Protein backbone atom coordinates (compact mmCIF):
# COMPACT_ATOMS: atom_id res chain seq x y z
CA MET A 1 62.42 148.73 106.36
CA PHE A 2 61.01 151.24 108.83
CA THR A 3 62.29 154.60 110.03
CA ILE A 4 62.30 156.30 113.42
CA GLY A 5 62.14 159.99 114.26
CA CYS A 6 61.05 162.11 117.21
CA ASP A 7 59.77 165.57 118.18
CA PRO A 8 60.52 166.16 121.87
CA GLU A 9 59.37 169.21 123.81
CA LEU A 10 61.82 170.91 126.17
CA PHE A 11 61.56 173.91 128.49
CA LEU A 12 63.59 177.08 128.77
CA LYS A 13 64.87 178.37 132.07
CA LYS A 14 66.25 181.80 132.91
CA GLY A 15 68.16 181.49 136.16
CA ASP A 16 65.92 179.50 138.50
CA ASP A 17 62.65 180.15 136.67
CA PHE A 18 60.97 178.46 133.74
CA VAL A 19 59.90 180.89 131.04
CA CYS A 20 57.45 180.62 128.17
CA ALA A 21 59.27 180.02 124.89
CA TRP A 22 56.72 181.93 122.83
CA GLY A 23 58.53 184.54 120.73
CA LEU A 24 62.01 183.41 121.76
CA ILE A 25 62.73 181.11 118.81
CA PRO A 26 61.41 181.01 115.23
CA GLY A 27 59.05 178.36 113.91
CA ASP A 28 55.67 176.96 114.90
CA LYS A 29 53.56 173.87 114.17
CA LYS A 30 52.56 175.09 110.72
CA ASN A 31 55.97 176.47 109.80
CA PRO A 32 58.86 174.69 111.56
CA HIS A 33 62.15 176.58 111.36
CA PRO A 34 64.83 174.64 109.43
CA VAL A 35 68.19 174.21 111.16
CA GLU A 36 71.16 171.97 110.49
CA GLY A 37 70.02 168.39 111.04
CA GLY A 38 66.26 169.01 111.28
CA SER A 39 63.91 171.76 112.43
CA VAL A 40 62.79 173.59 115.56
CA GLN A 41 59.65 175.39 116.67
CA VAL A 42 57.68 176.74 119.59
CA ASP A 43 54.99 174.43 120.95
CA GLY A 44 52.89 176.08 123.61
CA PHE A 45 55.25 177.07 126.43
CA ALA A 46 57.95 174.68 125.20
CA VAL A 47 60.55 174.50 122.48
CA GLU A 48 60.43 171.50 120.19
CA PHE A 49 62.83 169.94 117.73
CA ASN A 50 62.06 167.54 114.91
CA THR A 51 64.57 164.92 113.81
CA PRO A 52 64.57 163.45 110.31
CA PRO A 53 63.45 159.82 109.91
CA VAL A 54 66.47 157.51 110.23
CA LYS A 55 67.11 153.79 110.07
CA ASN A 56 69.93 153.18 112.52
CA GLU A 57 70.71 153.88 116.15
CA ASP A 58 73.80 156.05 115.71
CA GLU A 59 72.02 158.34 113.25
CA PHE A 60 69.16 158.73 115.68
CA VAL A 61 71.40 159.61 118.64
CA MET A 62 73.43 162.06 116.54
CA SER A 63 70.25 163.75 115.31
CA VAL A 64 68.84 164.21 118.81
CA ASN A 65 72.05 165.61 120.27
CA LYS A 66 72.73 167.83 117.25
CA LEU A 67 69.30 169.44 117.52
CA ILE A 68 69.69 170.09 121.23
CA GLN A 69 72.83 172.04 120.35
CA GLU A 70 70.95 173.93 117.63
CA LEU A 71 68.38 174.99 120.24
CA TYR A 72 71.14 176.29 122.50
CA LYS A 73 72.44 178.42 119.62
CA LEU A 74 68.99 179.96 119.24
CA CYS A 75 68.50 180.52 123.00
CA PRO A 76 71.64 182.21 124.38
CA GLY A 77 71.34 182.97 128.06
CA TYR A 78 68.79 180.22 128.70
CA SER A 79 69.20 176.67 129.93
CA ILE A 80 67.23 173.95 128.14
CA GLU A 81 65.57 171.42 130.42
CA ALA A 82 64.36 167.92 129.51
CA THR A 83 61.86 167.81 132.35
CA PRO A 84 58.42 166.19 132.04
CA VAL A 85 56.79 169.00 134.07
CA ALA A 86 57.57 172.71 134.27
CA GLU A 87 55.87 174.76 136.98
CA PHE A 88 54.39 178.18 136.18
CA SER A 89 52.10 180.39 138.21
CA MET A 90 48.56 180.75 136.90
CA GLU A 91 49.12 184.51 136.75
CA TYR A 92 52.11 183.97 134.47
CA ILE A 93 50.26 181.44 132.30
CA LYS A 94 47.32 183.81 131.83
CA SER A 95 49.68 186.63 130.86
CA GLN A 96 50.95 184.70 127.82
CA PRO A 97 49.48 184.81 124.29
CA GLU A 98 46.45 182.66 123.58
CA GLU A 99 48.46 180.60 121.09
CA ALA A 100 50.92 179.66 123.83
CA ARG A 101 48.17 178.68 126.27
CA GLU A 102 46.29 176.43 123.85
CA LEU A 103 46.53 172.68 124.49
CA GLY A 104 45.81 169.68 122.30
CA CYS A 105 45.07 171.18 118.88
CA ASP A 106 44.78 167.76 117.19
CA PRO A 107 43.07 164.75 118.76
CA ASP A 108 44.97 161.92 120.47
CA TYR A 109 43.60 158.40 120.00
CA ASN A 110 43.49 155.53 122.48
CA ALA A 111 44.69 152.23 121.01
CA TRP A 112 43.26 150.25 123.95
CA GLU A 113 39.77 151.65 123.38
CA ASP A 114 39.46 150.91 119.65
CA GLY A 115 40.90 154.27 118.68
CA GLN A 116 38.51 156.45 120.65
CA ILE A 117 39.62 160.06 121.09
CA PHE A 118 41.13 161.02 124.44
CA PRO A 119 39.42 163.93 126.21
CA LYS A 120 41.16 167.27 125.71
CA PRO A 121 43.30 168.07 128.77
CA ASN A 122 42.47 170.87 131.17
CA GLY A 123 44.85 173.79 130.69
CA GLU A 124 43.79 175.55 133.90
CA VAL A 125 46.66 174.10 135.91
CA PRO A 126 49.88 175.78 137.10
CA PHE A 127 52.24 173.64 135.02
CA ARG A 128 52.97 172.49 131.51
CA THR A 129 54.26 169.11 130.34
CA GLY A 130 57.02 168.04 127.97
CA ALA A 131 56.58 165.08 125.65
CA GLY A 132 59.07 162.80 123.94
CA HIS A 133 57.05 161.37 121.06
CA PHE A 134 58.39 158.83 118.57
CA HIS A 135 57.44 158.67 114.90
CA ILE A 136 57.65 155.27 113.21
CA GLY A 137 57.42 155.14 109.43
CA TRP A 138 56.84 152.19 107.11
CA THR A 139 54.70 153.62 104.31
CA GLU A 140 53.87 156.91 102.61
CA ASN A 141 50.85 158.89 101.49
CA GLU A 142 48.41 156.81 103.53
CA ILE A 143 45.13 158.41 104.51
CA PRO A 144 45.44 158.50 108.35
CA GLU A 145 41.75 157.69 108.81
CA ASP A 146 41.81 154.73 106.42
CA PRO A 147 40.47 151.79 108.49
CA ASP A 148 43.26 149.38 107.53
CA HIS A 149 46.00 151.90 108.23
CA PHE A 150 44.32 153.00 111.45
CA ALA A 151 44.13 149.36 112.59
CA ARG A 152 47.86 148.88 111.93
CA CYS A 153 48.60 152.00 113.98
CA ILE A 154 46.55 150.60 116.87
CA GLN A 155 48.35 147.27 116.69
CA LEU A 156 51.83 148.83 116.74
CA THR A 157 50.91 151.31 119.48
CA LYS A 158 49.79 148.50 121.79
CA GLN A 159 53.03 146.63 121.09
CA LEU A 160 55.02 149.81 121.81
CA ASP A 161 53.25 150.17 125.15
CA PHE A 162 55.01 146.96 126.19
CA PHE A 163 58.43 147.99 124.81
CA LEU A 164 58.38 151.73 125.56
CA GLY A 165 55.48 152.40 127.92
CA LEU A 166 56.42 149.79 130.54
CA PRO A 167 60.13 150.74 130.66
CA SER A 168 59.11 154.39 130.95
CA VAL A 169 57.19 153.60 134.15
CA ILE A 170 60.48 152.31 135.59
CA LEU A 171 62.83 154.95 134.19
CA ASP A 172 60.68 158.08 134.23
CA LYS A 173 60.26 159.06 137.88
CA ASP A 174 57.77 161.83 137.17
CA LYS A 175 54.14 160.95 137.87
CA LYS A 176 52.50 164.34 137.35
CA ARG A 177 52.57 164.56 133.56
CA ARG A 178 50.02 161.75 133.22
CA GLU A 179 47.45 164.01 134.87
CA MET A 180 47.32 165.70 131.44
CA TYR A 181 49.14 163.58 128.85
CA GLY A 182 50.90 160.27 128.32
CA LYS A 183 48.21 157.70 128.97
CA ALA A 184 48.71 154.16 127.67
CA GLY A 185 47.93 153.62 124.00
CA CYS A 186 48.20 157.27 123.00
CA PHE A 187 48.84 157.71 119.28
CA ARG A 188 48.11 159.67 116.13
CA PRO A 189 47.94 158.00 112.71
CA LYS A 190 50.18 159.63 110.11
CA PRO A 191 50.53 159.29 106.31
CA TYR A 192 53.95 157.67 106.86
CA GLY A 193 53.01 155.45 109.84
CA VAL A 194 52.25 156.31 113.45
CA GLU A 195 53.20 158.82 116.14
CA TYR A 196 53.54 157.11 119.54
CA ARG A 197 52.63 159.74 122.14
CA THR A 198 52.79 158.06 125.55
CA LEU A 199 56.34 159.00 126.61
CA SER A 200 57.53 162.19 128.26
CA ASN A 201 60.84 163.84 127.41
CA PHE A 202 62.66 161.99 130.24
CA TRP A 203 64.93 160.23 127.75
CA VAL A 204 66.03 163.17 125.63
CA ASP A 205 69.22 164.22 127.44
CA ASN A 206 70.50 160.71 128.24
CA GLU A 207 72.25 158.91 125.41
CA LYS A 208 72.04 155.51 127.10
CA VAL A 209 68.27 155.82 127.37
CA GLN A 210 68.04 157.12 123.78
CA ARG A 211 69.78 153.96 122.61
CA LEU A 212 67.71 151.68 124.83
CA LEU A 213 64.42 153.03 123.50
CA PHE A 214 65.59 152.91 119.89
CA LYS A 215 66.53 149.25 120.31
CA ASN A 216 63.20 148.53 122.01
CA ILE A 217 61.27 150.01 119.08
CA HIS A 218 63.19 147.72 116.74
CA LYS A 219 62.47 144.72 118.96
CA ALA A 220 58.76 145.58 119.17
CA ILE A 221 58.42 145.71 115.40
CA GLU A 222 60.60 142.65 114.85
CA LEU A 223 58.41 140.53 117.13
CA LEU A 224 55.24 141.97 115.64
CA MET A 225 56.41 140.96 112.15
CA GLU A 226 57.19 137.46 113.48
CA GLY A 227 53.65 137.15 114.84
CA GLU A 228 54.57 137.68 118.50
CA HIS A 229 51.86 140.11 119.58
CA LEU A 230 52.64 140.88 123.22
CA TYR A 231 49.65 143.20 123.43
CA LEU A 232 47.40 140.13 123.26
CA LYS A 233 48.89 138.89 126.54
CA GLY A 234 47.25 141.50 128.72
CA ASP A 235 45.75 144.95 129.05
CA ILE A 236 48.48 147.11 130.57
CA GLN A 237 46.60 150.41 130.64
CA ASP A 238 46.39 150.55 134.43
CA VAL A 239 50.08 149.74 134.88
CA ILE A 240 51.12 152.67 132.69
CA ASN A 241 48.36 155.10 133.64
CA ASN A 242 48.95 154.57 137.36
CA SER A 243 52.77 154.47 137.07
CA ASP A 244 52.79 151.06 138.78
CA GLU A 245 56.54 150.49 138.85
CA GLU A 246 56.39 147.16 140.67
CA LYS A 247 54.01 145.64 138.11
CA ALA A 248 55.97 147.18 135.21
CA LEU A 249 59.16 145.54 136.50
CA TRP A 250 57.39 142.19 136.80
CA LEU A 251 56.01 142.40 133.26
CA CYS A 252 59.32 143.51 131.74
CA ASN A 253 61.13 140.62 133.39
CA LYS A 254 58.42 138.15 132.42
CA TYR A 255 58.48 139.09 128.73
CA GLY A 256 62.16 139.96 128.38
CA ILE A 257 61.71 143.67 127.77
CA ASN A 258 64.91 145.61 128.40
CA TYR A 259 64.73 148.55 130.81
CA GLU A 260 68.32 148.64 132.12
CA VAL A 261 70.76 151.38 131.14
């Protein structure tokens, strides 16, 4: 049996303006702040919450929505926005602490290029991006760099590109985030399994989309375990990287991948 969790990044707004979350809530990458139902932290300019690993759809949806409410409790007077891109002036970005400005502390790997490391994104741009990563667990205490474990992470990530990446091209109308993050096949190996890092946060505040993606993860793994490796049927990097909605629709319909909410 496998588990599913997530750690989406959201943005704070004061009135009409996005603001850097640094210093506004407790917790960071090294020391997440425990709250009821999970934990929260600052991640760059964004706020992030971490759900526990769960096994069923209702638990997942309840965890996500509970932690959004926990963030609101910690951020009175601010709105919390699940937007893939938040615009900031360069002057404002440069006025923030170095820790807030830093991008890409740990490497991201490309499943379609045999696990090669993606180049570190350029932070000298007047915006920041919000991710909606999924964590899939099936083991424990693995060494992330172990070749066998790494190969399994690559295999599942490619399969998830069909079941999550392609629907995201249809459902996520933002195109700008992929200038920095969210390329096809983006993952990090973990001791418990894999972190799938292609999606933005577009799904976080929509329960119907939450449920759709959870079901699609299950379907991806189910077919993989049955020997149905969709990722062998074609390289879909360009479709995802170029946000080719027409081709994504064609592929989803051809292979029976659900994208309707």
